[in-house]
């Protein structure tokens, strides 16, 4: 019994060292140096798009977890319109279909005063 415990512990430690998790791929868009990640709340009735911020210029490879350029996304197609969200400055809306939106939240939010 005294030999089994160290053996099992050794196997556990060795298998843990060789196991690597891939970084989770989150739908992201970059605007003016800020990253916005998909929030998962698609098209609730209370979305009020504000002014158009621009359009996605380039869809980078999904393997690239962080788009490097302004108005690049690893999820949204080039040409997708992006809007501010009137109710929260830390959220933007992407028009994925005519009148249907996907919301993206700023990765590092400003604290509310």
PDB file of N, CA and C in Angstrom:
ATOM      1  N   UNK A   1       0.819  -1.189   0.000  1.00  0.00           N
ATOM      2  CA  UNK A   1       0.000   0.000   0.000  1.00  0.00           C
ATOM      3  C   UNK A   1       0.865   1.255   0.000  1.00  0.00           C
ATOM      4  N   UNK A   2       1.994   1.198   0.745  1.00  0.00           N
ATOM      5  CA  UNK A   2       2.872   2.352   0.805  1.00  0.00           C
ATOM      6  C   UNK A   2       3.510   2.635  -0.548  1.00  0.00           C
ATOM      7  N   UNK A   3       3.664   1.618  -1.396  1.00  0.00           N
ATOM      8  CA  UNK A   3       4.285   1.804  -2.708  1.00  0.00           C
ATOM      9  C   UNK A   3       3.270   2.284  -3.749  1.00  0.00           C
ATOM     10  N   UNK A   4       2.019   1.947  -3.576  1.00  0.00           N
ATOM     11  CA  UNK A   4       0.999   2.297  -4.565  1.00  0.00           C
ATOM     12  C   UNK A   4       0.713   3.798  -4.562  1.00  0.00           C
ATOM     13  N   UNK A   5       0.627   4.405  -3.389  1.00  0.00           N
ATOM     14  CA  UNK A   5       0.315   5.828  -3.299  1.00  0.00           C
ATOM     15  C   UNK A   5       1.359   6.692  -4.012  1.00  0.00           C
ATOM     16  N   UNK A   6       2.679   6.518  -3.754  1.00  0.00           N
ATOM     17  CA  UNK A   6       3.658   7.319  -4.496  1.00  0.00           C
ATOM     18  C   UNK A   6       3.620   7.044  -6.007  1.00  0.00           C
ATOM     19  N   UNK A   7       3.358   5.797  -6.387  1.00  0.00           N
ATOM     20  CA  UNK A   7       3.277   5.453  -7.803  1.00  0.00           C
ATOM     21  C   UNK A   7       2.105   6.182  -8.466  1.00  0.00           C
ATOM     22  N   UNK A   8       0.942   6.150  -7.829  1.00  0.00           N
ATOM     23  CA  UNK A   8      -0.228   6.847  -8.371  1.00  0.00           C
ATOM     24  C   UNK A   8      -0.014   8.359  -8.403  1.00  0.00           C
ATOM     25  N   UNK A   9       0.604   8.892  -7.360  1.00  0.00           N
ATOM     26  CA  UNK A   9       0.894  10.319  -7.314  1.00  0.00           C
ATOM     27  C   UNK A   9       1.846  10.710  -8.435  1.00  0.00           C
ATOM     28  N   UNK A  10       2.865   9.899  -8.685  1.00  0.00           N
ATOM     29  CA  UNK A  10       3.812  10.161  -9.770  1.00  0.00           C
ATOM     30  C   UNK A  10       3.142  10.133 -11.132  1.00  0.00           C
ATOM     31  N   UNK A  11       2.281   9.156 -11.358  1.00  0.00           N
ATOM     32  CA  UNK A  11       1.558   9.071 -12.638  1.00  0.00           C
ATOM     33  C   UNK A  11       0.648  10.284 -12.810  1.00  0.00           C
ATOM     34  N   UNK A  12      -0.021  10.658 -11.745  1.00  0.00           N
ATOM     35  CA  UNK A  12      -0.909  11.818 -11.791  1.00  0.00           C
ATOM     36  C   UNK A  12      -0.136  13.091 -12.139  1.00  0.00           C
ATOM     37  N   UNK A  13       1.010  13.297 -11.490  1.00  0.00           N
ATOM     38  CA  UNK A  13       1.814  14.490 -11.752  1.00  0.00           C
ATOM     39  C   UNK A  13       2.369  14.498 -13.168  1.00  0.00           C
ATOM     40  N   UNK A  14       2.845  13.364 -13.641  1.00  0.00           N
ATOM     41  CA  UNK A  14       3.385  13.295 -14.998  1.00  0.00           C
ATOM     42  C   UNK A  14       2.313  13.526 -16.053  1.00  0.00           C
ATOM     43  N   UNK A  15       1.152  12.967 -15.850  1.00  0.00           N
ATOM     44  CA  UNK A  15       0.085  13.168 -16.837  1.00  0.00           C
ATOM     45  C   UNK A  15      -0.413  14.605 -16.805  1.00  0.00           C
ATOM     46  N   UNK A  16      -0.401  15.241 -15.659  1.00  0.00           N
ATOM     47  CA  UNK A  16      -0.816  16.636 -15.550  1.00  0.00           C
ATOM     48  C   UNK A  16       0.141  17.575 -16.247  1.00  0.00           C
ATOM     49  N   UNK A  17       1.422  17.265 -16.233  1.00  0.00           N
ATOM     50  CA  UNK A  17       2.419  18.117 -16.878  1.00  0.00           C
ATOM     51  C   UNK A  17       2.344  18.041 -18.399  1.00  0.00           C
ATOM     52  N   UNK A  18       1.915  16.926 -18.919  1.00  0.00           N
ATOM     53  CA  UNK A  18       1.885  16.785 -20.371  1.00  0.00           C
ATOM     54  C   UNK A  18       0.563  17.232 -20.975  1.00  0.00           C
ATOM     55  N   UNK A  19      -0.433  17.498 -20.158  1.00  0.00           N
ATOM     56  CA  UNK A  19      -1.746  17.893 -20.647  1.00  0.00           C
ATOM     57  C   UNK A  19      -1.803  19.406 -20.779  1.00  0.00           C
ATOM     58  N   UNK A  20      -2.109  19.899 -21.980  1.00  0.00           N
ATOM     59  CA  UNK A  20      -2.199  21.336 -22.206  1.00  0.00           C
ATOM     60  C   UNK A  20      -3.577  21.676 -22.735  1.00  0.00           C
ATOM     61  N   UNK A  21      -4.175  22.685 -22.150  1.00  0.00           N
ATOM     62  CA  UNK A  21      -5.459  23.167 -22.634  1.00  0.00           C
ATOM     63  C   UNK A  21      -5.221  24.210 -23.713  1.00  0.00           C
ATOM     64  N   UNK A  22      -5.982  24.123 -24.789  1.00  0.00           N
ATOM     65  CA  UNK A  22      -5.908  25.157 -25.803  1.00  0.00           C
ATOM     66  C   UNK A  22      -6.672  26.366 -25.296  1.00  0.00           C
ATOM     67  N   UNK A  23      -6.177  27.542 -25.676  1.00  0.00           N
ATOM     68  CA  UNK A  23      -6.860  28.758 -25.277  1.00  0.00           C
ATOM     69  C   UNK A  23      -8.234  28.797 -25.922  1.00  0.00           C
ATOM     70  N   UNK A  24      -9.209  29.099 -25.123  1.00  0.00           N
ATOM     71  CA  UNK A  24     -10.573  29.168 -25.626  1.00  0.00           C
ATOM     72  C   UNK A  24     -10.685  30.264 -26.679  1.00  0.00           C
ATOM     73  N   UNK A  25     -11.380  29.957 -27.753  1.00  0.00           N
ATOM     74  CA  UNK A  25     -11.552  30.918 -28.832  1.00  0.00           C
ATOM     75  C   UNK A  25     -12.841  31.691 -28.611  1.00  0.00           C
ATOM     76  N   UNK A  26     -12.711  32.965 -28.369  1.00  0.00           N
ATOM     77  CA  UNK A  26     -13.854  33.830 -28.138  1.00  0.00           C
ATOM     78  C   UNK A  26     -14.012  34.729 -29.351  1.00  0.00           C
ATOM     79  N   UNK A  27     -15.242  34.919 -29.793  1.00  0.00           N
ATOM     80  CA  UNK A  27     -15.514  35.846 -30.890  1.00  0.00           C
ATOM     81  C   UNK A  27     -15.126  37.239 -30.423  1.00  0.00           C
ATOM     82  N   UNK A  28     -14.213  37.875 -31.162  1.00  0.00           N
ATOM     83  CA  UNK A  28     -13.639  39.152 -30.756  1.00  0.00           C
ATOM     84  C   UNK A  28     -13.615  40.117 -31.928  1.00  0.00           C
ATOM     85  N   UNK A  29     -13.779  41.383 -31.616  1.00  0.00           N
ATOM     86  CA  UNK A  29     -13.603  42.441 -32.611  1.00  0.00           C
ATOM     87  C   UNK A  29     -12.781  43.543 -31.943  1.00  0.00           C
ATOM     88  N   UNK A  30     -11.887  44.173 -32.714  1.00  0.00           N
ATOM     89  CA  UNK A  30     -11.069  45.254 -32.171  1.00  0.00           C
ATOM     90  C   UNK A  30     -11.503  46.566 -32.800  1.00  0.00           C
ATOM     91  N   UNK A  31     -11.729  47.566 -31.936  1.00  0.00           N
ATOM     92  CA  UNK A  31     -12.094  48.904 -32.392  1.00  0.00           C
ATOM     93  C   UNK A  31     -11.264  49.903 -31.605  1.00  0.00           C
ATOM     94  N   UNK A  32     -10.504  50.724 -32.314  1.00  0.00           N
ATOM     95  CA  UNK A  32      -9.689  51.772 -31.696  1.00  0.00           C
ATOM     96  C   UNK A  32      -8.816  51.246 -30.558  1.00  0.00           C
ATOM     97  N   UNK A  33      -8.193  50.098 -30.782  1.00  0.00           N
ATOM     98  CA  UNK A  33      -7.273  49.532 -29.804  1.00  0.00           C
ATOM     99  C   UNK A  33      -7.935  48.803 -28.643  1.00  0.00           C
ATOM    100  N   UNK A  34      -9.251  48.727 -28.620  1.00  0.00           N
ATOM    101  CA  UNK A  34      -9.990  48.036 -27.553  1.00  0.00           C
ATOM    102  C   UNK A  34     -10.544  46.735 -28.105  1.00  0.00           C
ATOM    103  N   UNK A  35     -10.488  45.662 -27.300  1.00  0.00           N
ATOM    104  CA  UNK A  35     -11.065  44.382 -27.699  1.00  0.00           C
ATOM    105  C   UNK A  35     -12.449  44.237 -27.090  1.00  0.00           C
ATOM    106  N   UNK A  36     -13.366  43.765 -27.902  1.00  0.00           N
ATOM    107  CA  UNK A  36     -14.734  43.486 -27.479  1.00  0.00           C
ATOM    108  C   UNK A  36     -15.005  42.011 -27.731  1.00  0.00           C
ATOM    109  N   UNK A  37     -15.508  41.311 -26.717  1.00  0.00           N
ATOM    110  CA  UNK A  37     -15.782  39.874 -26.805  1.00  0.00           C
ATOM    111  C   UNK A  37     -17.286  39.628 -26.864  1.00  0.00           C
ATOM    112  N   UNK A  38     -17.684  38.623 -27.640  1.00  0.00           N
ATOM    113  CA  UNK A  38     -19.100  38.273 -27.755  1.00  0.00           C
ATOM    114  C   UNK A  38     -19.664  37.971 -26.378  1.00  0.00           C
ATOM    115  N   UNK A  39     -20.836  38.524 -26.100  1.00  0.00           N
ATOM    116  CA  UNK A  39     -21.439  38.374 -24.780  1.00  0.00           C
ATOM    117  C   UNK A  39     -22.485  37.269 -24.732  1.00  0.00           C
ATOM    118  N   UNK A  40     -22.950  36.815 -25.870  1.00  0.00           N
ATOM    119  CA  UNK A  40     -23.880  35.696 -25.900  1.00  0.00           C
ATOM    120  C   UNK A  40     -25.344  36.050 -25.793  1.00  0.00           C
ATOM    121  N   UNK A  41     -25.675  37.325 -25.673  1.00  0.00           N
ATOM    122  CA  UNK A  41     -27.081  37.736 -25.603  1.00  0.00           C
ATOM    123  C   UNK A  41     -27.503  38.281 -26.959  1.00  0.00           C
ATOM    124  N   UNK A  42     -27.942  37.405 -27.839  1.00  0.00           N
ATOM    125  CA  UNK A  42     -28.275  37.825 -29.196  1.00  0.00           C
ATOM    126  C   UNK A  42     -29.696  38.357 -29.302  1.00  0.00           C
ATOM    127  N   UNK A  43     -29.793  39.541 -29.867  1.00  0.00           N
ATOM    128  CA  UNK A  43     -31.040  40.154 -30.302  1.00  0.00           C
ATOM    129  C   UNK A  43     -32.151  40.289 -29.264  1.00  0.00           C
ATOM    130  N   UNK A  44     -31.846  40.701 -28.024  1.00  0.00           N
ATOM    131  CA  UNK A  44     -32.967  40.986 -27.140  1.00  0.00           C
ATOM    132  C   UNK A  44     -33.698  42.239 -27.631  1.00  0.00           C
ATOM    133  N   UNK A  45     -34.933  42.361 -27.286  1.00  0.00           N
ATOM    134  CA  UNK A  45     -35.761  43.462 -27.777  1.00  0.00           C
ATOM    135  C   UNK A  45     -35.280  44.823 -27.281  1.00  0.00           C
ATOM    136  N   UNK A  46     -34.500  44.860 -26.210  1.00  0.00           N
ATOM    137  CA  UNK A  46     -34.106  46.143 -25.632  1.00  0.00           C
ATOM    138  C   UNK A  46     -32.834  46.725 -26.246  1.00  0.00           C
ATOM    139  N   UNK A  47     -32.330  46.164 -27.336  1.00  0.00           N
ATOM    140  CA  UNK A  47     -31.151  46.743 -27.982  1.00  0.00           C
ATOM    141  C   UNK A  47     -31.551  48.006 -28.728  1.00  0.00           C
ATOM    142  N   UNK A  48     -30.849  49.075 -28.453  1.00  0.00           N
ATOM    143  CA  UNK A  48     -31.063  50.315 -29.176  1.00  0.00           C
ATOM    144  C   UNK A  48     -29.735  50.725 -29.791  1.00  0.00           C
ATOM    145  N   UNK A  49     -29.525  50.432 -31.084  1.00  0.00           N
ATOM    146  CA  UNK A  49     -28.260  50.808 -31.705  1.00  0.00           C
ATOM    147  C   UNK A  49     -28.101  52.322 -31.722  1.00  0.00           C
ATOM    148  N   UNK A  50     -26.880  52.764 -31.441  1.00  0.00           N
ATOM    149  CA  UNK A  50     -26.562  54.181 -31.523  1.00  0.00           C
ATOM    150  C   UNK A  50     -25.952  54.488 -32.875  1.00  0.00           C
ATOM    151  N   UNK A  51     -24.933  55.339 -32.873  1.00  0.00           N
ATOM    152  CA  UNK A  51     -24.312  55.716 -34.148  1.00  0.00           C
ATOM    153  C   UNK A  51     -23.457  54.571 -34.689  1.00  0.00           C
ATOM    154  N   UNK A  52     -23.331  54.536 -36.007  1.00  0.00           N
ATOM    155  CA  UNK A  52     -22.489  53.516 -36.629  1.00  0.00           C
ATOM    156  C   UNK A  52     -21.028  53.877 -36.391  1.00  0.00           C
ATOM    157  N   UNK A  53     -20.280  52.928 -35.849  1.00  0.00           N
ATOM    158  CA  UNK A  53     -18.862  53.136 -35.551  1.00  0.00           C
ATOM    159  C   UNK A  53     -17.991  52.837 -36.759  1.00  0.00           C
ATOM    160  N   UNK A  54     -18.476  51.979 -37.632  1.00  0.00           N
ATOM    161  CA  UNK A  54     -17.723  51.574 -38.818  1.00  0.00           C
ATOM    162  C   UNK A  54     -18.116  50.173 -39.224  1.00  0.00           C
ATOM    163  N   UNK A  55     -17.335  49.605 -40.121  1.00  0.00           N
ATOM    164  CA  UNK A  55     -17.574  48.246 -40.601  1.00  0.00           C
ATOM    165  C   UNK A  55     -16.321  47.413 -40.386  1.00  0.00           C
ATOM    166  N   UNK A  56     -16.513  46.116 -40.184  1.00  0.00           N
ATOM    167  CA  UNK A  56     -15.377  45.203 -40.048  1.00  0.00           C
ATOM    168  C   UNK A  56     -14.606  45.236 -41.359  1.00  0.00           C
ATOM    169  N   UNK A  57     -13.301  45.512 -41.273  1.00  0.00           N
ATOM    170  CA  UNK A  57     -12.461  45.585 -42.474  1.00  0.00           C
ATOM    171  C   UNK A  57     -11.944  44.226 -42.901  1.00  0.00           C
ATOM    172  N   UNK A  58     -11.668  43.371 -41.902  1.00  0.00           N
ATOM    173  CA  UNK A  58     -11.048  42.088 -42.222  1.00  0.00           C
ATOM    174  C   UNK A  58     -11.451  41.045 -41.192  1.00  0.00           C
ATOM    175  N   UNK A  59     -11.730  39.842 -41.678  1.00  0.00           N
ATOM    176  CA  UNK A  59     -11.977  38.709 -40.780  1.00  0.00           C
ATOM    177  C   UNK A  59     -10.702  37.885 -40.756  1.00  0.00           C
ATOM    178  N   UNK A  60     -10.034  37.876 -39.602  1.00  0.00           N
ATOM    179  CA  UNK A  60      -8.785  37.134 -39.463  1.00  0.00           C
ATOM    180  C   UNK A  60      -9.097  35.682 -39.133  1.00  0.00           C
ATOM    181  N   UNK A  61      -8.101  34.846 -39.204  1.00  0.00           N
ATOM    182  CA  UNK A  61      -8.257  33.419 -38.919  1.00  0.00           C
ATOM    183  C   UNK A  61      -8.817  33.214 -37.522  1.00  0.00           C
ATOM    184  N   UNK A  62      -9.720  32.256 -37.384  1.00  0.00           N
ATOM    185  CA  UNK A  62     -10.299  31.952 -36.068  1.00  0.00           C
ATOM    186  C   UNK A  62      -9.228  31.471 -35.096  1.00  0.00           C
ATOM    187  N   UNK A  63      -8.121  30.945 -35.615  1.00  0.00           N
ATOM    188  CA  UNK A  63      -7.029  30.488 -34.749  1.00  0.00           C
ATOM    189  C   UNK A  63      -6.330  31.673 -34.091  1.00  0.00           C
ATOM    190  N   UNK A  64      -6.459  32.863 -34.695  1.00  0.00           N
ATOM    191  CA  UNK A  64      -5.866  34.070 -34.141  1.00  0.00           C
ATOM    192  C   UNK A  64      -6.826  34.614 -33.091  1.00  0.00           C
ATOM    193  N   UNK A  65      -6.528  34.415 -31.821  1.00  0.00           N
ATOM    194  CA  UNK A  65      -7.476  34.781 -30.771  1.00  0.00           C
ATOM    195  C   UNK A  65      -7.603  36.286 -30.571  1.00  0.00           C
ATOM    196  N   UNK A  66      -6.610  37.061 -30.998  1.00  0.00           N
ATOM    197  CA  UNK A  66      -6.671  38.508 -30.838  1.00  0.00           C
ATOM    198  C   UNK A  66      -6.454  39.185 -32.190  1.00  0.00           C
ATOM    199  N   UNK A  67      -7.492  39.766 -32.751  1.00  0.00           N
ATOM    200  CA  UNK A  67      -7.285  40.542 -33.973  1.00  0.00           C
ATOM    201  C   UNK A  67      -6.307  41.680 -33.684  1.00  0.00           C
ATOM    202  N   UNK A  68      -5.392  41.924 -34.604  1.00  0.00           N
ATOM    203  CA  UNK A  68      -4.347  42.916 -34.361  1.00  0.00           C
ATOM    204  C   UNK A  68      -4.659  44.299 -34.902  1.00  0.00           C
ATOM    205  N   UNK A  69      -5.546  44.391 -35.880  1.00  0.00           N
ATOM    206  CA  UNK A  69      -5.810  45.680 -36.510  1.00  0.00           C
ATOM    207  C   UNK A  69      -7.159  46.258 -36.131  1.00  0.00           C
ATOM    208  N   UNK A  70      -7.277  47.560 -36.361  1.00  0.00           N
ATOM    209  CA  UNK A  70      -8.515  48.261 -36.099  1.00  0.00           C
ATOM    210  C   UNK A  70      -9.619  47.740 -37.011  1.00  0.00           C
ATOM    211  N   UNK A  71     -10.772  47.454 -36.450  1.00  0.00           N
ATOM    212  CA  UNK A  71     -11.945  46.921 -37.154  1.00  0.00           C
ATOM    213  C   UNK A  71     -11.669  45.551 -37.768  1.00  0.00           C
ATOM    214  N   UNK A  72     -10.884  44.731 -37.069  1.00  0.00           N
ATOM    215  CA  UNK A  72     -10.679  43.331 -37.453  1.00  0.00           C
ATOM    216  C   UNK A  72     -11.420  42.447 -36.461  1.00  0.00           C
ATOM    217  N   UNK A  73     -11.831  41.269 -36.924  1.00  0.00           N
ATOM    218  CA  UNK A  73     -12.547  40.318 -36.073  1.00  0.00           C
ATOM    219  C   UNK A  73     -12.138  38.903 -36.433  1.00  0.00           C
ATOM    220  N   UNK A  74     -12.173  38.026 -35.447  1.00  0.00           N
ATOM    221  CA  UNK A  74     -11.930  36.610 -35.716  1.00  0.00           C
ATOM    222  C   UNK A  74     -13.249  35.867 -35.893  1.00  0.00           C
ATOM    223  N   UNK A  75     -14.360  36.601 -35.924  1.00  0.00           N
ATOM    224  CA  UNK A  75     -15.681  35.982 -36.026  1.00  0.00           C
ATOM    225  C   UNK A  75     -16.559  36.675 -37.072  1.00  0.00           C
ATOM    226  N   UNK A  76     -16.625  37.996 -36.999  1.00  0.00           N
ATOM    227  CA  UNK A  76     -17.505  38.753 -37.888  1.00  0.00           C
ATOM    228  C   UNK A  76     -16.913  38.865 -39.285  1.00  0.00           C
ATOM    229  N   UNK A  77     -17.779  38.801 -40.285  1.00  0.00           N
ATOM    230  CA  UNK A  77     -17.343  38.898 -41.676  1.00  0.00           C
ATOM    231  C   UNK A  77     -17.014  40.342 -42.028  1.00  0.00           C
ATOM    232  N   UNK A  78     -16.094  40.516 -42.974  1.00  0.00           N
ATOM    233  CA  UNK A  78     -15.768  41.850 -43.479  1.00  0.00           C
ATOM    234  C   UNK A  78     -17.048  42.489 -43.996  1.00  0.00           C
ATOM    235  N   UNK A  79     -17.228  43.765 -43.664  1.00  0.00           N
ATOM    236  CA  UNK A  79     -18.421  44.486 -44.095  1.00  0.00           C
ATOM    237  C   UNK A  79     -19.525  44.536 -43.053  1.00  0.00           C
ATOM    238  N   UNK A  80     -19.385  43.784 -41.951  1.00  0.00           N
ATOM    239  CA  UNK A  80     -20.398  43.802 -40.888  1.00  0.00           C
ATOM    240  C   UNK A  80     -20.415  45.175 -40.225  1.00  0.00           C
ATOM    241  N   UNK A  81     -21.588  45.788 -40.119  1.00  0.00           N
ATOM    242  CA  UNK A  81     -21.725  47.106 -39.493  1.00  0.00           C
ATOM    243  C   UNK A  81     -21.663  46.989 -37.979  1.00  0.00           C
ATOM    244  N   UNK A  82     -20.944  47.926 -37.357  1.00  0.00           N
ATOM    245  CA  UNK A  82     -20.775  47.965 -35.904  1.00  0.00           C
ATOM    246  C   UNK A  82     -21.362  49.266 -35.372  1.00  0.00           C
ATOM    247  N   UNK A  83     -22.126  49.163 -34.290  1.00  0.00           N
ATOM    248  CA  UNK A  83     -22.814  50.311 -33.722  1.00  0.00           C
ATOM    249  C   UNK A  83     -22.503  50.444 -32.240  1.00  0.00           C
ATOM    250  N   UNK A  84     -22.565  51.699 -31.749  1.00  0.00           N
ATOM    251  CA  UNK A  84     -22.513  51.890 -30.302  1.00  0.00           C
ATOM    252  C   UNK A  84     -23.843  51.393 -29.730  1.00  0.00           C
ATOM    253  N   UNK A  85     -23.868  51.197 -28.411  1.00  0.00           N
ATOM    254  CA  UNK A  85     -25.071  50.722 -27.721  1.00  0.00           C
ATOM    255  C   UNK A  85     -25.490  51.834 -26.778  1.00  0.00           C
ATOM    256  N   UNK A  86     -26.654  52.408 -27.006  1.00  0.00           N
ATOM    257  CA  UNK A  86     -27.082  53.580 -26.248  1.00  0.00           C
ATOM    258  C   UNK A  86     -27.131  53.355 -24.743  1.00  0.00           C
ATOM    259  N   UNK A  87     -27.450  52.150 -24.303  1.00  0.00           N
ATOM    260  CA  UNK A  87     -27.646  51.899 -22.883  1.00  0.00           C
ATOM    261  C   UNK A  87     -26.357  51.610 -22.112  1.00  0.00           C
ATOM    262  N   UNK A  88     -25.253  51.308 -22.805  1.00  0.00           N
ATOM    263  CA  UNK A  88     -24.007  50.952 -22.109  1.00  0.00           C
ATOM    264  C   UNK A  88     -22.819  51.246 -23.014  1.00  0.00           C
ATOM    265  N   UNK A  89     -21.936  52.128 -22.577  1.00  0.00           N
ATOM    266  CA  UNK A  89     -20.778  52.508 -23.397  1.00  0.00           C
ATOM    267  C   UNK A  89     -19.748  51.391 -23.532  1.00  0.00           C
ATOM    268  N   UNK A  90     -19.860  50.349 -22.717  1.00  0.00           N
ATOM    269  CA  UNK A  90     -18.927  49.222 -22.776  1.00  0.00           C
ATOM    270  C   UNK A  90     -19.407  48.108 -23.696  1.00  0.00           C
ATOM    271  N   UNK A  91     -20.481  48.355 -24.428  1.00  0.00           N
ATOM    272  CA  UNK A  91     -21.061  47.355 -25.325  1.00  0.00           C
ATOM    273  C   UNK A  91     -21.173  47.937 -26.724  1.00  0.00           C
ATOM    274  N   UNK A  92     -20.864  47.117 -27.725  1.00  0.00           N
ATOM    275  CA  UNK A  92     -21.127  47.481 -29.116  1.00  0.00           C
ATOM    276  C   UNK A  92     -22.034  46.414 -29.715  1.00  0.00           C
ATOM    277  N   UNK A  93     -22.702  46.784 -30.782  1.00  0.00           N
ATOM    278  CA  UNK A  93     -23.604  45.864 -31.473  1.00  0.00           C
ATOM    279  C   UNK A  93     -23.104  45.627 -32.886  1.00  0.00           C
ATOM    280  N   UNK A  94     -23.134  44.381 -33.309  1.00  0.00           N
ATOM    281  CA  UNK A  94     -22.792  44.014 -34.682  1.00  0.00           C
ATOM    282  C   UNK A  94     -24.076  43.564 -35.356  1.00  0.00           C
ATOM    283  N   UNK A  95     -24.398  44.176 -36.490  1.00  0.00           N
ATOM    284  CA  UNK A  95     -25.604  43.793 -37.221  1.00  0.00           C
ATOM    285  C   UNK A  95     -25.277  42.555 -38.040  1.00  0.00           C
ATOM    286  N   UNK A  96     -25.744  41.394 -37.569  1.00  0.00           N
ATOM    287  CA  UNK A  96     -25.401  40.141 -38.238  1.00  0.00           C
ATOM    288  C   UNK A  96     -26.385  39.794 -39.341  1.00  0.00           C
ATOM    289  N   UNK A  97     -27.592  40.288 -39.237  1.00  0.00           N
ATOM    290  CA  UNK A  97     -28.608  40.171 -40.287  1.00  0.00           C
ATOM    291  C   UNK A  97     -29.413  41.451 -40.229  1.00  0.00           C
ATOM    292  N   UNK A  98     -30.226  41.677 -41.207  1.00  0.00           N
ATOM    293  CA  UNK A  98     -31.010  42.899 -41.252  1.00  0.00           C
ATOM    294  C   UNK A  98     -31.867  43.046 -39.995  1.00  0.00           C
ATOM    295  N   UNK A  99     -31.466  43.939 -39.099  1.00  0.00           N
ATOM    296  CA  UNK A  99     -32.210  44.174 -37.871  1.00  0.00           C
ATOM    297  C   UNK A  99     -31.918  43.201 -36.744  1.00  0.00           C
ATOM    298  N   UNK A 100     -31.001  42.262 -36.930  1.00  0.00           N
ATOM    299  CA  UNK A 100     -30.624  41.304 -35.897  1.00  0.00           C
ATOM    300  C   UNK A 100     -29.198  41.619 -35.443  1.00  0.00           C
ATOM    301  N   UNK A 101     -28.983  41.665 -34.134  1.00  0.00           N
ATOM    302  CA  UNK A 101     -27.697  42.108 -33.600  1.00  0.00           C
ATOM    303  C   UNK A 101     -27.069  41.065 -32.685  1.00  0.00           C
ATOM    304  N   UNK A 102     -25.746  41.125 -32.610  1.00  0.00           N
ATOM    305  CA  UNK A 102     -24.966  40.350 -31.639  1.00  0.00           C
ATOM    306  C   UNK A 102     -24.215  41.387 -30.817  1.00  0.00           C
ATOM    307  N   UNK A 103     -24.258  41.242 -29.491  1.00  0.00           N
ATOM    308  CA  UNK A 103     -23.567  42.230 -28.670  1.00  0.00           C
ATOM    309  C   UNK A 103     -22.188  41.741 -28.251  1.00  0.00           C
ATOM    310  N   UNK A 104     -21.284  42.687 -28.156  1.00  0.00           N
ATOM    311  CA  UNK A 104     -19.903  42.451 -27.756  1.00  0.00           C
ATOM    312  C   UNK A 104     -19.590  43.398 -26.609  1.00  0.00           C
ATOM    313  N   UNK A 105     -18.989  42.859 -25.537  1.00  0.00           N
ATOM    314  CA  UNK A 105     -18.643  43.670 -24.374  1.00  0.00           C
ATOM    315  C   UNK A 105     -17.155  43.958 -24.348  1.00  0.00           C
ATOM    316  N   UNK A 106     -16.827  45.175 -23.935  1.00  0.00           N
ATOM    317  CA  UNK A 106     -15.424  45.577 -23.834  1.00  0.00           C
ATOM    318  C   UNK A 106     -14.720  44.662 -22.851  1.00  0.00           C
ATOM    319  N   UNK A 107     -13.533  44.206 -23.231  1.00  0.00           N
ATOM    320  CA  UNK A 107     -12.789  43.268 -22.390  1.00  0.00           C
ATOM    321  C   UNK A 107     -12.426  43.891 -21.047  1.00  0.00           C
ATOM    322  N   UNK A 108     -12.004  45.138 -21.037  1.00  0.00           N
ATOM    323  CA  UNK A 108     -11.667  45.838 -19.795  1.00  0.00           C
ATOM    324  C   UNK A 108     -12.615  47.010 -19.685  1.00  0.00           C
ATOM    325  N   UNK A 109     -13.634  46.859 -18.850  1.00  0.00           N
ATOM    326  CA  UNK A 109     -14.703  47.843 -18.771  1.00  0.00           C
ATOM    327  C   UNK A 109     -14.304  49.032 -17.916  1.00  0.00           C
ATOM    328  N   UNK A 110     -14.866  50.189 -18.282  1.00  0.00           N
ATOM    329  CA  UNK A 110     -14.703  51.376 -17.455  1.00  0.00           C
ATOM    330  C   UNK A 110     -15.609  51.234 -16.244  1.00  0.00           C
ATOM    331  N   UNK A 111     -15.103  51.660 -15.108  1.00  0.00           N
ATOM    332  CA  UNK A 111     -15.914  51.592 -13.894  1.00  0.00           C
ATOM    333  C   UNK A 111     -16.954  52.703 -13.934  1.00  0.00           C
ATOM    334  N   UNK A 112     -18.177  52.358 -13.521  1.00  0.00           N
ATOM    335  CA  UNK A 112     -19.247  53.355 -13.467  1.00  0.00           C
ATOM    336  C   UNK A 112     -19.064  54.205 -12.226  1.00  0.00           C
ATOM    337  N   UNK A 113     -19.301  55.505 -12.383  1.00  0.00           N
ATOM    338  CA  UNK A 113     -19.129  56.436 -11.259  1.00  0.00           C
ATOM    339  C   UNK A 113     -20.391  56.568 -10.473  1.00  0.00           C
TER     340      UNK A 113
END
